[in-house]
Protein backbone atom coordinates (compact mmCIF):
# COMPACT_ATOMS: atom_id res chain seq x y z
CA MET A 1 0.52 11.10 -11.53
CA PRO A 2 -0.48 8.97 -14.52
CA THR A 3 -3.46 7.32 -12.79
CA ALA A 4 -6.10 9.40 -11.02
CA ARG A 5 -6.44 7.97 -7.51
CA MET A 6 -8.13 8.54 -4.20
CA GLU A 7 -7.86 6.58 -0.94
CA PHE A 8 -4.34 5.52 -1.99
CA SER A 9 -1.31 4.59 0.10
CA CYS A 10 2.21 5.82 -0.47
CA GLY A 11 5.78 5.39 0.69
CA VAL A 12 9.35 6.42 -0.05
CA VAL A 13 12.01 4.05 -1.35
CA GLY A 14 15.36 5.74 -1.94
CA ASP A 15 14.78 8.61 -4.36
CA ARG A 16 11.37 7.33 -5.45
CA TYR A 17 7.86 8.06 -4.21
CA VAL A 18 5.60 5.05 -4.59
CA ILE A 19 1.84 5.60 -4.91
CA ALA A 20 0.01 2.32 -4.43
CA ALA A 21 -3.49 1.22 -5.29
CA GLY A 22 -6.47 3.17 -3.96
CA GLY A 23 -9.62 3.76 -5.91
CA ASP A 24 -10.44 5.64 -9.06
CA ASN A 25 -13.22 8.18 -9.35
CA THR A 26 -15.81 5.42 -9.70
CA THR A 27 -16.29 2.43 -7.43
CA HIS A 28 -13.26 0.52 -8.70
CA VAL A 29 -10.47 -0.43 -6.29
CA LEU A 30 -7.06 -0.51 -8.00
CA ASP A 31 -4.10 -2.87 -7.83
CA SER A 32 -1.85 -0.62 -9.92
CA VAL A 33 1.19 1.30 -8.64
CA ASP A 34 2.77 4.54 -9.91
CA VAL A 35 6.36 5.48 -9.05
CA LEU A 36 7.84 8.99 -9.20
CA ASP A 37 11.61 9.20 -9.60
CA THR A 38 12.48 12.43 -7.79
CA GLU A 39 15.80 12.81 -9.63
CA THR A 40 14.24 12.83 -13.11
CA MET A 41 10.71 13.84 -12.01
CA GLU A 42 9.34 11.13 -14.30
CA TRP A 43 6.56 8.69 -13.51
CA SER A 44 6.70 4.97 -14.29
CA ALA A 45 4.50 1.97 -13.59
CA GLY A 46 5.45 -0.05 -10.54
CA PRO A 47 4.67 -3.67 -9.75
CA SER A 48 0.97 -4.33 -9.35
CA LEU A 49 -0.30 -5.41 -5.97
CA PRO A 50 -1.40 -9.04 -5.66
CA TRP A 51 -5.02 -7.81 -5.33
CA PRO A 52 -6.84 -4.45 -5.41
CA ILE A 53 -6.47 -2.43 -2.18
CA SER A 54 -7.74 0.92 -0.92
CA PHE A 55 -7.84 2.52 2.54
CA ALA A 56 -4.67 0.68 3.66
CA ALA A 57 -2.22 2.12 6.16
CA SER A 58 1.31 2.69 4.91
CA VAL A 59 4.30 2.86 7.19
CA GLN A 60 8.02 3.29 6.52
CA TYR A 61 10.03 0.23 7.50
CA ASP A 62 13.81 0.27 7.15
CA GLU A 63 14.56 1.17 3.52
CA THR A 64 11.06 0.42 2.28
CA PHE A 65 7.44 0.56 3.45
CA ALA A 66 4.55 -1.73 4.28
CA LEU A 67 0.86 -1.68 3.40
CA ILE A 68 -1.27 -2.82 6.31
CA GLY A 69 -4.89 -3.90 6.15
CA GLY A 70 -7.17 -1.94 3.85
CA TYR A 71 -10.24 -2.76 1.80
CA SER A 72 -10.53 -4.90 -1.31
CA ASP A 73 -13.41 -5.61 -3.62
CA ALA A 74 -11.73 -8.96 -4.38
CA PHE A 75 -12.63 -11.94 -2.18
CA ASN A 76 -16.29 -10.79 -2.02
CA GLY A 77 -15.20 -7.37 -0.73
CA GLY A 78 -14.32 -6.35 2.78
CA SER A 79 -11.52 -5.40 5.12
CA LEU A 80 -8.11 -7.05 4.87
CA ASP A 81 -5.74 -8.40 7.52
CA ASP A 82 -2.66 -8.61 5.29
CA VAL A 83 0.75 -6.98 5.65
CA LEU A 84 2.52 -6.41 2.31
CA LEU A 85 6.09 -5.16 2.02
CA PHE A 86 7.33 -3.25 -1.02
CA ASN A 87 10.42 -5.03 -2.35
CA THR A 88 13.27 -2.53 -2.64
CA ASP A 89 14.31 -3.88 -6.03
CA ILE A 90 11.06 -2.22 -7.16
CA THR A 91 9.83 -5.26 -9.01
CA SER A 92 7.47 -6.93 -6.56
CA TRP A 93 5.45 -6.92 -3.36
CA ILE A 94 6.17 -9.41 -0.59
CA PHE A 95 3.40 -10.98 1.45
CA THR A 96 5.07 -11.09 4.86
CA GLY A 97 2.93 -13.89 6.24
CA GLU A 98 2.04 -11.59 9.13
CA THR A 99 -1.59 -10.68 9.63
CA LEU A 100 -3.53 -8.30 11.82
CA THR A 101 -5.49 -9.71 14.74
CA ARG A 102 -8.60 -8.92 12.71
CA PRO A 103 -9.23 -7.39 9.27
CA LYS A 104 -9.11 -3.57 9.29
CA ALA A 105 -9.73 -0.83 6.74
CA TYR A 106 -9.49 2.94 7.21
CA VAL A 107 -6.59 2.19 9.50
CA THR A 108 -3.44 4.06 10.52
CA ALA A 109 -0.11 2.57 11.55
CA PHE A 110 3.26 3.77 12.75
CA PRO A 111 6.61 2.08 13.49
CA VAL A 112 7.68 1.66 17.09
CA ALA A 113 11.07 0.06 17.78
CA LYS A 114 10.97 -1.96 14.53
CA GLU A 115 7.49 -3.28 15.27
CA THR A 116 4.32 -2.01 13.67
CA PHE A 117 1.23 -1.18 15.67
CA SER A 118 -2.10 -0.20 14.20
CA ASN A 119 -5.14 1.51 15.62
CA VAL A 120 -8.61 0.06 15.72
CA GLY A 121 -10.06 0.51 12.24
CA LYS A 122 -13.27 -0.61 10.65
């Protein structure tokens, strides 16, 4: 992986593994994305997130995946209530317009009958 990360989120899109955001080995939260093509086993840069995110839940959704909640040091820091969808053309992130009932970081999520439910996070 080109960028050292911890507290990152990941998903699978076709034959690519997408590693999104997280933090580096300091206190910085990242907005960068690394993509591994499993056919060539080569890494490339993916589309940056709209803001830095760590501790977000990731969940497969149809042919892509979503990032749910998380923590950002943008916006004065704190938990997020956003739901971002990775665009399958691998050039952008989509803000779905959906939000959690309250901001949550350190959260898990899983798909249930095409709807996403999350646990109670921080």
